[in-house]
Every structure is written in C-alpha cells, then in structure tokens.
Amino acid sequence: MYDHDDREGETDLVIASQFVTPHAIRAMRKDGGGLIFLMISNEIAQKLQLPFLADVYQTNTEKYPVMKALEPNDILYDTKSSFSLYINHRETFTGITDKDRSHTMHRFAELIKEIQENHLQPIQATTRFGTEFRSPGHIPICIAAPKLLDEREGHTELVVSLMIMAGLIPAGSGCEMMGDSGNALSKTEVKKYAKTHGLIFLTSQEVKDAWPNHIP
C-alpha cells in the first residue's frame, strides 16, 4: 500500500505489520530507503504504557541536561515527535537483519492481537510485552494521536486509519520512499513503482475522505 502525503511531498511504502515478511523489509530497505518503523494506535500504546521519547527527555533533563538541549520544540509540522521506544524481539540476534526486523514487527502485531482479543489490562500487557521484547532495539515505534485523523494528519495516523478501515490489527510497518537524489521520490515515480510491482497507490486525501465513513 502507498500513502502519499501531499502536504509534505513524501510517500510511505506500507504493509500491515501482521503480514510483514523478510521480503517486505528488503523492499523497504532497497526500494524505499527511508527509516523503517512501526506505527500503532494510541489505544495500544496506552495498554503497553509506551511513552513518547520527547516526554522521556523532558522528565530526565535534571539528571541529563543534554536532553533539555535536544528538546524537539522546533518541529515545523507538529508540536512534538510521535516517536516512542525502539524495540527488538528477544529471539533476534543483532535485530537489524531483514529476518530480525520482520520477526520483531510481526510478533509485535501478534501481541496487539492478543491484547485486543483477551482484553488485557495494562499491567498484563506490559508484562507480556517485556517477556518477548527488549529496548533499545532497531525498530522505532510511532504512536498515533488518540482521535487519529480527527486530531492529526501525519503518516502514523494515516497508516493506522488504513489498518482500521481494512479490519486489520492497528499496526502498520513502513518507510519513506527516497530517490537517488536523496530527496523524496516524486509522485510520478511512486505511481510507476506501484504499477510495476502490482501495489496500490493512495493519496492522503483519499484516506481522509474515506475515514468519516469508517470511524469505529
């Protein structure tokens, strides 16, 4: 799936985390070239008690003054970063190989499914989380805004909204698509790539237009 953000001029190469394979990670790494990351719903983040990294920095400035110096207070497109913890599955070795990253993302989606189906409370969810995963790792997690596209129209909200509309686990895996110039791949190039590889190209506007009819 493709999610083109017309506002930022960037395109994400996206797949539902429950379907991630080493081949999909290779495609992101080779054909996308941007940061490979997880995008999850705010509800799941709350269950796992995941913090925003910006908040972790803010609460540790007295002990580590450098965190105050690095405060992300000048992001032009947002009030603060949506990044949370970086994880690896405990069964991975380095965590950076296509197989390792695929395993981390797939198992994370399976954990979300378990949390939802068994209605796990935060203490139960975080215990299960810590049993399978460690941090720091090589997979950054981004947390969507609580009201998704009604509150924020970033990559994370668009992808999580897509997962929900498709009836899938609310976790997406993706990366930004970069060109050989080092800049974001153009819309024309992305459409060509999607056609060549039998993938779907969606604009952010298409996702936003569909969302009001699928609000859970």
N, C-alpha and C. Protein backbone atom coordinates (compact mmCIF):
# COMPACT_ATOMS: atom_id res chain seq x y z
N MET A 1 0.84 -1.19 0.00
CA MET A 1 0.00 0.00 0.00
C MET A 1 0.88 1.24 0.00
N TYR A 2 0.35 2.28 -0.59
CA TYR A 2 1.09 3.54 -0.61
C TYR A 2 0.26 4.64 -0.02
N ASP A 3 0.90 5.45 0.76
CA ASP A 3 0.22 6.59 1.37
C ASP A 3 1.02 7.82 1.04
N HIS A 4 0.51 8.62 0.11
CA HIS A 4 1.24 9.81 -0.30
C HIS A 4 0.73 11.01 0.46
N ASP A 5 1.59 11.67 1.18
CA ASP A 5 1.22 12.87 1.93
C ASP A 5 1.49 14.08 1.06
N ASP A 6 0.45 14.61 0.44
CA ASP A 6 0.61 15.75 -0.48
C ASP A 6 1.20 16.97 0.22
N ARG A 7 0.86 17.14 1.50
CA ARG A 7 1.33 18.31 2.24
C ARG A 7 2.84 18.30 2.38
N GLU A 8 3.40 17.13 2.70
CA GLU A 8 4.83 17.05 2.95
C GLU A 8 5.62 16.60 1.72
N GLY A 9 4.90 16.15 0.68
CA GLY A 9 5.59 15.69 -0.51
C GLY A 9 6.34 14.39 -0.30
N GLU A 10 5.90 13.57 0.64
CA GLU A 10 6.56 12.31 0.92
C GLU A 10 5.59 11.15 0.74
N THR A 11 6.14 9.99 0.41
CA THR A 11 5.34 8.79 0.22
C THR A 11 5.89 7.68 1.08
N ASP A 12 5.00 6.92 1.69
CA ASP A 12 5.40 5.78 2.51
C ASP A 12 5.11 4.48 1.79
N LEU A 13 6.05 3.58 1.86
CA LEU A 13 5.85 2.20 1.41
C LEU A 13 5.36 1.44 2.64
N VAL A 14 4.11 0.97 2.61
CA VAL A 14 3.46 0.48 3.82
C VAL A 14 2.89 -0.92 3.65
N ILE A 15 2.95 -1.70 4.73
CA ILE A 15 2.32 -3.01 4.79
C ILE A 15 1.78 -3.20 6.21
N ALA A 16 0.67 -3.92 6.33
CA ALA A 16 0.15 -4.24 7.66
C ALA A 16 1.19 -5.08 8.39
N SER A 17 1.48 -4.72 9.63
CA SER A 17 2.54 -5.40 10.38
C SER A 17 2.29 -6.90 10.52
N GLN A 18 1.03 -7.31 10.56
CA GLN A 18 0.72 -8.72 10.71
C GLN A 18 1.15 -9.54 9.49
N PHE A 19 1.38 -8.87 8.36
CA PHE A 19 1.77 -9.56 7.13
C PHE A 19 3.24 -9.32 6.75
N VAL A 20 4.00 -8.70 7.62
CA VAL A 20 5.39 -8.40 7.30
C VAL A 20 6.21 -9.68 7.12
N THR A 21 7.07 -9.67 6.12
CA THR A 21 8.00 -10.77 5.85
C THR A 21 9.39 -10.19 5.63
N PRO A 22 10.43 -11.02 5.67
CA PRO A 22 11.77 -10.52 5.34
C PRO A 22 11.81 -9.88 3.95
N HIS A 23 11.03 -10.43 3.02
CA HIS A 23 10.99 -9.86 1.66
C HIS A 23 10.44 -8.43 1.68
N ALA A 24 9.41 -8.20 2.51
CA ALA A 24 8.84 -6.86 2.61
C ALA A 24 9.85 -5.88 3.21
N ILE A 25 10.60 -6.32 4.21
CA ILE A 25 11.61 -5.46 4.81
C ILE A 25 12.70 -5.15 3.79
N ARG A 26 13.08 -6.13 3.00
CA ARG A 26 14.09 -5.92 1.97
C ARG A 26 13.60 -4.87 0.97
N ALA A 27 12.33 -4.94 0.58
CA ALA A 27 11.77 -3.97 -0.36
C ALA A 27 11.81 -2.57 0.23
N MET A 28 11.48 -2.45 1.51
CA MET A 28 11.54 -1.14 2.16
C MET A 28 12.97 -0.62 2.19
N ARG A 29 13.89 -1.51 2.53
CA ARG A 29 15.29 -1.12 2.66
C ARG A 29 15.91 -0.75 1.32
N LYS A 30 15.60 -1.54 0.29
CA LYS A 30 16.23 -1.35 -1.02
C LYS A 30 15.48 -0.31 -1.87
N ASP A 31 14.14 -0.41 -1.88
CA ASP A 31 13.35 0.43 -2.77
C ASP A 31 12.82 1.68 -2.08
N GLY A 32 12.64 1.60 -0.74
CA GLY A 32 12.16 2.78 -0.01
C GLY A 32 13.32 3.65 0.41
N GLY A 33 14.18 3.08 1.24
CA GLY A 33 15.40 3.78 1.64
C GLY A 33 15.28 4.67 2.85
N GLY A 34 14.05 4.95 3.30
CA GLY A 34 13.87 5.79 4.48
C GLY A 34 13.91 4.96 5.75
N LEU A 35 13.54 5.57 6.85
CA LEU A 35 13.51 4.89 8.14
C LEU A 35 12.39 3.86 8.16
N ILE A 36 12.72 2.62 8.54
CA ILE A 36 11.72 1.56 8.65
C ILE A 36 11.18 1.57 10.08
N PHE A 37 9.87 1.74 10.23
CA PHE A 37 9.33 1.91 11.57
C PHE A 37 7.93 1.32 11.70
N LEU A 38 7.49 1.18 12.95
CA LEU A 38 6.15 0.70 13.30
C LEU A 38 5.26 1.90 13.61
N MET A 39 3.99 1.80 13.21
CA MET A 39 3.00 2.83 13.53
C MET A 39 1.83 2.15 14.21
N ILE A 40 1.47 2.58 15.41
CA ILE A 40 0.42 1.91 16.17
C ILE A 40 -0.61 2.89 16.70
N SER A 41 -1.77 2.35 17.06
CA SER A 41 -2.83 3.19 17.60
C SER A 41 -2.48 3.66 19.01
N ASN A 42 -3.06 4.78 19.39
CA ASN A 42 -2.83 5.32 20.72
C ASN A 42 -3.40 4.40 21.79
N GLU A 43 -4.50 3.74 21.48
CA GLU A 43 -5.12 2.80 22.43
C GLU A 43 -4.15 1.70 22.82
N ILE A 44 -3.45 1.13 21.83
CA ILE A 44 -2.48 0.07 22.12
C ILE A 44 -1.29 0.64 22.89
N ALA A 45 -0.86 1.84 22.53
CA ALA A 45 0.24 2.47 23.26
C ALA A 45 -0.11 2.66 24.73
N GLN A 46 -1.36 3.01 25.00
CA GLN A 46 -1.81 3.17 26.38
C GLN A 46 -1.80 1.84 27.12
N LYS A 47 -2.24 0.78 26.44
CA LYS A 47 -2.24 -0.54 27.05
C LYS A 47 -0.82 -0.97 27.43
N LEU A 48 0.14 -0.63 26.56
CA LEU A 48 1.54 -1.02 26.79
C LEU A 48 2.30 0.02 27.60
N GLN A 49 1.60 1.11 27.95
CA GLN A 49 2.20 2.20 28.73
C GLN A 49 3.47 2.74 28.07
N LEU A 50 3.40 2.87 26.75
CA LEU A 50 4.53 3.38 25.99
C LEU A 50 4.63 4.90 26.11
N PRO A 51 5.80 5.43 26.40
CA PRO A 51 5.96 6.88 26.49
C PRO A 51 6.36 7.47 25.14
N PHE A 52 6.15 8.76 24.99
CA PHE A 52 6.75 9.48 23.87
C PHE A 52 8.19 9.78 24.28
N LEU A 53 9.12 9.63 23.36
CA LEU A 53 10.52 9.92 23.69
C LEU A 53 10.69 11.37 24.13
N ALA A 54 9.90 12.27 23.53
CA ALA A 54 10.00 13.68 23.91
C ALA A 54 9.68 13.86 25.40
N ASP A 55 8.72 13.08 25.90
CA ASP A 55 8.36 13.17 27.31
C ASP A 55 9.44 12.54 28.20
N VAL A 56 10.04 11.47 27.72
CA VAL A 56 11.15 10.85 28.46
C VAL A 56 12.29 11.84 28.59
N TYR A 57 12.59 12.55 27.52
CA TYR A 57 13.63 13.58 27.57
C TYR A 57 13.29 14.65 28.59
N GLN A 58 12.04 15.11 28.54
CA GLN A 58 11.61 16.21 29.39
C GLN A 58 11.71 15.87 30.87
N THR A 59 11.40 14.63 31.21
CA THR A 59 11.40 14.23 32.63
C THR A 59 12.79 13.87 33.15
N ASN A 60 13.78 13.86 32.27
CA ASN A 60 15.13 13.49 32.70
C ASN A 60 16.15 14.60 32.48
N THR A 61 15.66 15.83 32.29
CA THR A 61 16.57 16.93 31.98
C THR A 61 17.47 17.31 33.15
N GLU A 62 16.99 17.11 34.37
CA GLU A 62 17.80 17.48 35.53
C GLU A 62 19.02 16.56 35.65
N LYS A 63 18.80 15.28 35.41
CA LYS A 63 19.91 14.32 35.51
C LYS A 63 20.78 14.37 34.26
N TYR A 64 20.13 14.58 33.11
CA TYR A 64 20.87 14.63 31.83
C TYR A 64 20.54 15.93 31.11
N PRO A 65 21.23 17.01 31.39
CA PRO A 65 20.94 18.33 30.80
C PRO A 65 20.93 18.32 29.27
N VAL A 66 21.66 17.39 28.67
CA VAL A 66 21.69 17.34 27.21
C VAL A 66 20.31 17.08 26.64
N MET A 67 19.45 16.41 27.39
CA MET A 67 18.11 16.12 26.90
C MET A 67 17.27 17.39 26.79
N LYS A 68 17.56 18.36 27.65
CA LYS A 68 16.90 19.66 27.53
C LYS A 68 17.40 20.39 26.30
N ALA A 69 18.70 20.29 26.07
CA ALA A 69 19.29 20.95 24.91
C ALA A 69 18.74 20.39 23.60
N LEU A 70 18.38 19.11 23.61
CA LEU A 70 17.90 18.45 22.40
C LEU A 70 16.38 18.42 22.29
N GLU A 71 15.70 19.17 23.12
CA GLU A 71 14.24 19.16 23.13
C GLU A 71 13.67 19.44 21.73
N PRO A 72 12.75 18.58 21.25
CA PRO A 72 12.19 18.75 19.89
C PRO A 72 11.08 19.79 19.86
N ASN A 73 11.43 21.04 20.12
CA ASN A 73 10.43 22.10 20.22
C ASN A 73 10.36 22.98 18.98
N ASP A 74 11.01 22.55 17.91
CA ASP A 74 11.02 23.35 16.69
C ASP A 74 10.64 22.54 15.46
N ILE A 75 9.82 21.49 15.68
CA ILE A 75 9.35 20.69 14.53
C ILE A 75 8.33 21.51 13.78
N LEU A 76 8.58 21.78 12.52
CA LEU A 76 7.75 22.70 11.75
C LEU A 76 6.35 22.17 11.49
N TYR A 77 6.20 20.83 11.46
CA TYR A 77 4.91 20.26 11.08
C TYR A 77 4.15 19.66 12.25
N ASP A 78 4.63 19.82 13.48
CA ASP A 78 3.96 19.18 14.61
C ASP A 78 4.39 19.85 15.92
N THR A 79 3.66 19.54 16.99
CA THR A 79 4.02 20.09 18.30
C THR A 79 5.12 19.28 18.97
N LYS A 80 5.14 17.96 18.69
CA LYS A 80 6.23 17.13 19.17
C LYS A 80 6.26 15.83 18.38
N SER A 81 7.36 15.15 18.43
CA SER A 81 7.53 13.92 17.67
C SER A 81 6.62 12.81 18.21
N SER A 82 6.17 11.93 17.31
CA SER A 82 5.33 10.80 17.72
C SER A 82 6.16 9.57 18.08
N PHE A 83 7.49 9.71 18.06
CA PHE A 83 8.35 8.55 18.34
C PHE A 83 8.28 8.12 19.79
N SER A 84 8.25 6.80 19.97
CA SER A 84 8.29 6.19 21.29
C SER A 84 9.56 5.34 21.38
N LEU A 85 9.48 4.19 22.02
CA LEU A 85 10.65 3.34 22.21
C LEU A 85 11.08 2.63 20.93
N TYR A 86 12.31 2.17 20.93
CA TYR A 86 12.86 1.35 19.85
C TYR A 86 13.00 -0.08 20.41
N ILE A 87 12.51 -1.06 19.67
CA ILE A 87 12.47 -2.42 20.21
C ILE A 87 13.10 -3.46 19.29
N ASN A 88 13.49 -4.58 19.89
CA ASN A 88 13.86 -5.82 19.19
C ASN A 88 13.13 -6.96 19.87
N HIS A 89 12.76 -7.96 19.12
CA HIS A 89 12.24 -9.18 19.74
C HIS A 89 13.40 -9.90 20.40
N ARG A 90 13.15 -10.55 21.52
CA ARG A 90 14.21 -11.21 22.27
C ARG A 90 14.80 -12.41 21.54
N GLU A 91 14.12 -12.91 20.51
CA GLU A 91 14.65 -14.04 19.75
C GLU A 91 15.57 -13.59 18.62
N THR A 92 15.71 -12.28 18.42
CA THR A 92 16.60 -11.80 17.36
C THR A 92 18.03 -11.76 17.87
N PHE A 93 18.97 -11.65 16.93
CA PHE A 93 20.39 -11.56 17.29
C PHE A 93 20.79 -10.10 17.32
N THR A 94 21.22 -9.54 16.20
CA THR A 94 21.52 -8.10 16.18
C THR A 94 20.24 -7.27 16.13
N GLY A 95 19.22 -7.82 15.51
CA GLY A 95 17.95 -7.11 15.39
C GLY A 95 17.83 -6.30 14.12
N ILE A 96 18.90 -6.14 13.35
CA ILE A 96 18.88 -5.25 12.19
C ILE A 96 18.68 -5.97 10.86
N THR A 97 18.86 -7.28 10.82
CA THR A 97 18.69 -8.01 9.55
C THR A 97 17.23 -7.97 9.11
N ASP A 98 17.00 -8.26 7.83
CA ASP A 98 15.63 -8.29 7.32
C ASP A 98 14.80 -9.31 8.09
N LYS A 99 15.39 -10.46 8.37
CA LYS A 99 14.69 -11.51 9.12
C LYS A 99 14.38 -11.05 10.54
N ASP A 100 15.34 -10.41 11.19
CA ASP A 100 15.14 -9.95 12.57
C ASP A 100 14.08 -8.86 12.66
N ARG A 101 14.16 -7.88 11.77
CA ARG A 101 13.19 -6.79 11.81
C ARG A 101 11.79 -7.28 11.46
N SER A 102 11.72 -8.19 10.51
CA SER A 102 10.43 -8.79 10.16
C SER A 102 9.83 -9.52 11.34
N HIS A 103 10.65 -10.28 12.04
CA HIS A 103 10.18 -11.05 13.19
C HIS A 103 9.70 -10.12 14.29
N THR A 104 10.45 -9.06 14.56
CA THR A 104 10.06 -8.10 15.59
C THR A 104 8.70 -7.48 15.27
N MET A 105 8.52 -7.03 14.04
CA MET A 105 7.27 -6.37 13.67
C MET A 105 6.09 -7.34 13.66
N HIS A 106 6.29 -8.52 13.11
CA HIS A 106 5.21 -9.49 13.04
C HIS A 106 4.76 -9.92 14.44
N ARG A 107 5.73 -10.20 15.31
CA ARG A 107 5.39 -10.63 16.65
C ARG A 107 4.75 -9.49 17.45
N PHE A 108 5.14 -8.25 17.17
CA PHE A 108 4.51 -7.12 17.83
C PHE A 108 3.04 -7.04 17.44
N ALA A 109 2.74 -7.26 16.16
CA ALA A 109 1.35 -7.27 15.71
C ALA A 109 0.57 -8.40 16.38
N GLU A 110 1.21 -9.55 16.54
CA GLU A 110 0.56 -10.67 17.21
C GLU A 110 0.27 -10.35 18.67
N LEU A 111 1.17 -9.61 19.30
CA LEU A 111 0.95 -9.18 20.68
C LEU A 111 -0.26 -8.26 20.77
N ILE A 112 -0.38 -7.34 19.84
CA ILE A 112 -1.53 -6.44 19.81
C ILE A 112 -2.82 -7.24 19.68
N LYS A 113 -2.81 -8.24 18.81
CA LYS A 113 -3.98 -9.09 18.64
C LYS A 113 -4.35 -9.78 19.95
N GLU A 114 -3.34 -10.27 20.65
CA GLU A 114 -3.57 -10.93 21.94
C GLU A 114 -4.16 -9.95 22.96
N ILE A 115 -3.64 -8.74 22.98
CA ILE A 115 -4.13 -7.72 23.90
C ILE A 115 -5.60 -7.42 23.64
N GLN A 116 -5.94 -7.29 22.35
CA GLN A 116 -7.31 -6.95 21.99
C GLN A 116 -8.28 -8.11 22.25
N GLU A 117 -7.90 -9.30 21.82
CA GLU A 117 -8.80 -10.44 21.95
C GLU A 117 -9.03 -10.86 23.39
N ASN A 118 -8.00 -10.72 24.22
CA ASN A 118 -8.11 -11.14 25.62
C ASN A 118 -8.38 -9.98 26.58
N HIS A 119 -8.57 -8.79 26.01
CA HIS A 119 -8.88 -7.59 26.80
C HIS A 119 -7.89 -7.43 27.96
N LEU A 120 -6.60 -7.55 27.63
CA LEU A 120 -5.58 -7.46 28.66
C LEU A 120 -5.52 -6.05 29.26
N GLN A 121 -5.34 -5.99 30.55
CA GLN A 121 -5.15 -4.72 31.25
C GLN A 121 -3.69 -4.30 31.10
N PRO A 122 -3.39 -3.00 31.33
CA PRO A 122 -2.02 -2.51 31.14
C PRO A 122 -0.93 -3.33 31.83
N ILE A 123 -1.15 -3.74 33.08
CA ILE A 123 -0.12 -4.49 33.79
C ILE A 123 0.12 -5.84 33.12
N GLN A 124 -0.95 -6.46 32.62
CA GLN A 124 -0.82 -7.74 31.92
C GLN A 124 -0.14 -7.54 30.57
N ALA A 125 -0.55 -6.49 29.87
CA ALA A 125 0.00 -6.21 28.54
C ALA A 125 1.49 -5.90 28.61
N THR A 126 1.89 -5.06 29.57
CA THR A 126 3.31 -4.70 29.67
C THR A 126 4.17 -5.89 30.10
N THR A 127 3.59 -6.77 30.92
CA THR A 127 4.32 -7.98 31.31
C THR A 127 4.58 -8.87 30.10
N ARG A 128 3.54 -9.04 29.27
CA ARG A 128 3.69 -9.84 28.05
C ARG A 128 4.69 -9.17 27.10
N PHE A 129 4.60 -7.86 27.02
CA PHE A 129 5.49 -7.08 26.15
C PHE A 129 6.94 -7.32 26.54
N GLY A 130 7.23 -7.20 27.84
CA GLY A 130 8.59 -7.37 28.32
C GLY A 130 9.09 -8.81 28.20
N THR A 131 8.18 -9.76 28.19
CA THR A 131 8.56 -11.17 28.04
C THR A 131 9.15 -11.42 26.66
N GLU A 132 8.59 -10.75 25.65
CA GLU A 132 9.01 -11.01 24.26
C GLU A 132 9.97 -9.99 23.67
N PHE A 133 9.96 -8.76 24.19
CA PHE A 133 10.73 -7.70 23.54
C PHE A 133 11.70 -7.03 24.51
N ARG A 134 12.75 -6.42 23.92
CA ARG A 134 13.71 -5.65 24.69
C ARG A 134 13.86 -4.27 24.05
N SER A 135 14.38 -3.34 24.83
CA SER A 135 14.64 -1.99 24.34
C SER A 135 15.90 -1.46 25.02
N PRO A 136 16.79 -0.76 24.30
CA PRO A 136 16.63 -0.27 22.94
C PRO A 136 16.78 -1.38 21.90
N GLY A 137 16.29 -1.06 20.70
CA GLY A 137 16.36 -2.02 19.59
C GLY A 137 16.44 -1.29 18.27
N HIS A 138 16.10 -1.98 17.20
CA HIS A 138 16.25 -1.42 15.86
C HIS A 138 14.94 -1.05 15.19
N ILE A 139 13.82 -1.25 15.89
CA ILE A 139 12.52 -0.89 15.32
C ILE A 139 11.89 0.24 16.13
N PRO A 140 11.87 1.46 15.60
CA PRO A 140 11.21 2.56 16.31
C PRO A 140 9.69 2.43 16.20
N ILE A 141 9.02 2.77 17.29
CA ILE A 141 7.56 2.76 17.32
C ILE A 141 7.06 4.20 17.31
N CYS A 142 6.10 4.48 16.43
CA CYS A 142 5.45 5.79 16.42
C CYS A 142 4.00 5.62 16.87
N ILE A 143 3.55 6.52 17.73
CA ILE A 143 2.22 6.43 18.32
C ILE A 143 1.28 7.44 17.66
N ALA A 144 0.14 6.96 17.21
CA ALA A 144 -0.85 7.83 16.59
C ALA A 144 -1.57 8.67 17.63
N ALA A 145 -2.12 9.79 17.22
CA ALA A 145 -2.92 10.63 18.09
C ALA A 145 -4.19 9.87 18.49
N PRO A 146 -4.72 10.14 19.69
CA PRO A 146 -5.91 9.41 20.17
C PRO A 146 -7.09 9.41 19.20
N LYS A 147 -7.36 10.56 18.57
CA LYS A 147 -8.51 10.66 17.67
C LYS A 147 -8.12 10.48 16.20
N LEU A 148 -6.91 9.99 16.00
CA LEU A 148 -6.41 9.71 14.65
C LEU A 148 -6.58 10.91 13.72
N LEU A 149 -7.21 10.74 12.55
CA LEU A 149 -7.26 11.80 11.56
C LEU A 149 -8.14 12.98 11.97
N ASP A 150 -8.93 12.79 13.01
CA ASP A 150 -9.72 13.92 13.52
C ASP A 150 -8.87 14.86 14.35
N GLU A 151 -7.66 14.41 14.67
CA GLU A 151 -6.78 15.21 15.52
C GLU A 151 -5.47 15.57 14.84
N ARG A 152 -4.93 14.66 14.05
CA ARG A 152 -3.62 14.85 13.42
C ARG A 152 -3.60 14.12 12.09
N GLU A 153 -2.95 14.69 11.10
CA GLU A 153 -2.94 14.09 9.76
C GLU A 153 -1.53 13.69 9.34
N GLY A 154 -0.82 13.09 10.27
CA GLY A 154 0.54 12.64 9.96
C GLY A 154 0.57 11.25 9.35
N HIS A 155 1.76 10.80 9.01
CA HIS A 155 1.93 9.47 8.42
C HIS A 155 1.36 8.38 9.34
N THR A 156 1.65 8.52 10.64
CA THR A 156 1.22 7.49 11.59
C THR A 156 -0.29 7.38 11.64
N GLU A 157 -0.99 8.51 11.70
CA GLU A 157 -2.45 8.49 11.76
C GLU A 157 -3.05 7.94 10.47
N LEU A 158 -2.47 8.31 9.35
CA LEU A 158 -2.98 7.83 8.06
C LEU A 158 -2.86 6.31 7.95
N VAL A 159 -1.71 5.79 8.36
CA VAL A 159 -1.48 4.35 8.25
C VAL A 159 -2.35 3.57 9.23
N VAL A 160 -2.42 4.01 10.47
CA VAL A 160 -3.26 3.31 11.45
C VAL A 160 -4.73 3.36 11.02
N SER A 161 -5.17 4.49 10.48
CA SER A 161 -6.54 4.60 9.99
C SER A 161 -6.80 3.61 8.86
N LEU A 162 -5.82 3.44 7.98
CA LEU A 162 -5.94 2.46 6.90
C LEU A 162 -6.10 1.05 7.47
N MET A 163 -5.31 0.72 8.48
CA MET A 163 -5.40 -0.60 9.08
C MET A 163 -6.79 -0.84 9.67
N ILE A 164 -7.32 0.17 10.35
CA ILE A 164 -8.63 0.04 10.98
C ILE A 164 -9.72 -0.11 9.92
N MET A 165 -9.65 0.70 8.87
CA MET A 165 -10.66 0.61 7.81
C MET A 165 -10.62 -0.73 7.10
N ALA A 166 -9.44 -1.34 7.06
CA ALA A 166 -9.28 -2.64 6.40
C ALA A 166 -9.62 -3.81 7.34
N GLY A 167 -9.96 -3.49 8.60
CA GLY A 167 -10.28 -4.54 9.55
C GLY A 167 -9.08 -5.33 10.01
N LEU A 168 -7.91 -4.70 10.02
CA LEU A 168 -6.66 -5.36 10.39
C LEU A 168 -6.19 -4.91 11.77
N ILE A 169 -5.18 -5.59 12.28
CA ILE A 169 -4.56 -5.18 13.54
C ILE A 169 -4.04 -3.75 13.37
N PRO A 170 -4.33 -2.85 14.32
CA PRO A 170 -3.95 -1.44 14.15
C PRO A 170 -2.46 -1.17 14.31
N ALA A 171 -1.69 -1.80 13.45
CA ALA A 171 -0.24 -1.59 13.42
C ALA A 171 0.24 -1.70 11.98
N GLY A 172 0.95 -0.69 11.53
CA GLY A 172 1.48 -0.69 10.18
C GLY A 172 2.99 -0.60 10.20
N SER A 173 3.62 -1.21 9.21
CA SER A 173 5.07 -1.14 9.05
C SER A 173 5.36 -0.40 7.74
N GLY A 174 6.33 0.50 7.78
CA GLY A 174 6.59 1.23 6.56
C GLY A 174 7.86 2.03 6.61
N CYS A 175 8.14 2.70 5.51
CA CYS A 175 9.28 3.61 5.43
C CYS A 175 9.01 4.64 4.34
N GLU A 176 9.67 5.78 4.45
CA GLU A 176 9.56 6.80 3.43
C GLU A 176 10.30 6.36 2.18
N MET A 177 9.78 6.72 1.02
CA MET A 177 10.42 6.38 -0.25
C MET A 177 11.33 7.53 -0.69
N MET A 178 12.59 7.20 -0.85
CA MET A 178 13.59 8.19 -1.23
C MET A 178 14.11 7.92 -2.63
N GLY A 179 14.47 8.99 -3.35
CA GLY A 179 15.05 8.84 -4.68
C GLY A 179 16.56 8.85 -4.63
N ASP A 180 17.19 8.59 -5.76
CA ASP A 180 18.66 8.58 -5.82
C ASP A 180 19.25 9.95 -5.53
N SER A 181 18.45 10.98 -5.68
CA SER A 181 18.92 12.34 -5.42
C SER A 181 19.06 12.61 -3.93
N GLY A 182 18.47 11.72 -3.11
CA GLY A 182 18.47 11.94 -1.68
C GLY A 182 17.22 12.64 -1.20
N ASN A 183 16.37 13.06 -2.13
CA ASN A 183 15.10 13.69 -1.79
C ASN A 183 13.97 12.67 -1.89
N ALA A 184 12.80 13.08 -1.43
CA ALA A 184 11.63 12.20 -1.52
C ALA A 184 11.34 11.86 -2.97
N LEU A 185 10.94 10.60 -3.19
CA LEU A 185 10.61 10.16 -4.54
C LEU A 185 9.39 10.92 -5.04
N SER A 186 9.41 11.31 -6.30
CA SER A 186 8.30 12.10 -6.84
C SER A 186 7.03 11.25 -6.96
N LYS A 187 5.91 11.93 -7.01
CA LYS A 187 4.62 11.26 -7.12
C LYS A 187 4.56 10.41 -8.40
N THR A 188 5.10 10.92 -9.49
CA THR A 188 5.11 10.18 -10.75
C THR A 188 5.93 8.91 -10.63
N GLU A 189 7.09 9.00 -9.98
CA GLU A 189 7.95 7.83 -9.81
C GLU A 189 7.30 6.79 -8.90
N VAL A 190 6.61 7.26 -7.88
CA VAL A 190 5.95 6.34 -6.95
C VAL A 190 4.82 5.60 -7.64
N LYS A 191 4.03 6.31 -8.43
CA LYS A 191 2.94 5.67 -9.18
C LYS A 191 3.48 4.61 -10.13
N LYS A 192 4.60 4.92 -10.76
CA LYS A 192 5.22 3.96 -11.67
C LYS A 192 5.70 2.73 -10.91
N TYR A 193 6.30 2.94 -9.74
CA TYR A 193 6.78 1.83 -8.91
C TYR A 193 5.60 0.95 -8.48
N ALA A 194 4.51 1.59 -8.06
CA ALA A 194 3.34 0.84 -7.62
C ALA A 194 2.77 -0.02 -8.75
N LYS A 195 2.69 0.55 -9.94
CA LYS A 195 2.16 -0.19 -11.09
C LYS A 195 3.06 -1.36 -11.44
N THR A 196 4.37 -1.13 -11.44
CA THR A 196 5.33 -2.17 -11.79
C THR A 196 5.27 -3.34 -10.83
N HIS A 197 5.05 -3.05 -9.54
CA HIS A 197 5.09 -4.10 -8.52
C HIS A 197 3.70 -4.57 -8.09
N GLY A 198 2.67 -4.15 -8.80
CA GLY A 198 1.32 -4.60 -8.50
C GLY A 198 0.82 -4.15 -7.15
N LEU A 199 1.18 -2.92 -6.76
CA LEU A 199 0.79 -2.39 -5.46
C LEU A 199 -0.22 -1.26 -5.62
N ILE A 200 -0.84 -0.90 -4.53
CA ILE A 200 -1.88 0.13 -4.55
C ILE A 200 -1.30 1.48 -4.13
N PHE A 201 -1.61 2.50 -4.90
CA PHE A 201 -1.19 3.87 -4.57
C PHE A 201 -2.40 4.63 -4.07
N LEU A 202 -2.28 5.20 -2.89
CA LEU A 202 -3.34 6.02 -2.31
C LEU A 202 -2.78 7.38 -1.92
N THR A 203 -3.57 8.42 -2.13
CA THR A 203 -3.17 9.73 -1.64
C THR A 203 -3.70 9.89 -0.22
N SER A 204 -3.07 10.79 0.51
CA SER A 204 -3.55 11.06 1.87
C SER A 204 -4.98 11.58 1.84
N GLN A 205 -5.31 12.33 0.80
CA GLN A 205 -6.67 12.87 0.70
C GLN A 205 -7.70 11.76 0.54
N GLU A 206 -7.36 10.73 -0.19
CA GLU A 206 -8.28 9.60 -0.36
C GLU A 206 -8.54 8.91 0.97
N VAL A 207 -7.48 8.76 1.76
CA VAL A 207 -7.63 8.14 3.08
C VAL A 207 -8.51 9.02 3.97
N LYS A 208 -8.25 10.33 3.96
CA LYS A 208 -9.02 11.26 4.80
C LYS A 208 -10.49 11.32 4.37
N ASP A 209 -10.73 11.23 3.07
CA ASP A 209 -12.10 11.27 2.58
C ASP A 209 -12.89 10.03 2.99
N ALA A 210 -12.20 8.88 3.07
CA ALA A 210 -12.87 7.63 3.42
C ALA A 210 -13.09 7.48 4.92
N TRP A 211 -12.24 8.11 5.71
CA TRP A 211 -12.25 7.90 7.16
C TRP A 211 -13.58 8.21 7.85
N PRO A 212 -14.26 9.33 7.55
CA PRO A 212 -15.50 9.63 8.27
C PRO A 212 -16.55 8.53 8.17
N ASN A 213 -16.51 7.76 7.11
CA ASN A 213 -17.49 6.68 6.91
C ASN A 213 -17.10 5.39 7.62
N HIS A 214 -15.91 5.37 8.26
CA HIS A 214 -15.44 4.15 8.89
C HIS A 214 -14.98 4.36 10.32
N ILE A 215 -15.36 5.47 10.93
CA ILE A 215 -14.97 5.73 12.30
C ILE A 215 -15.58 4.66 13.20
N PRO A 216 -14.75 3.93 13.98
CA PRO A 216 -15.27 2.85 14.82
C PRO A 216 -16.13 3.38 15.96
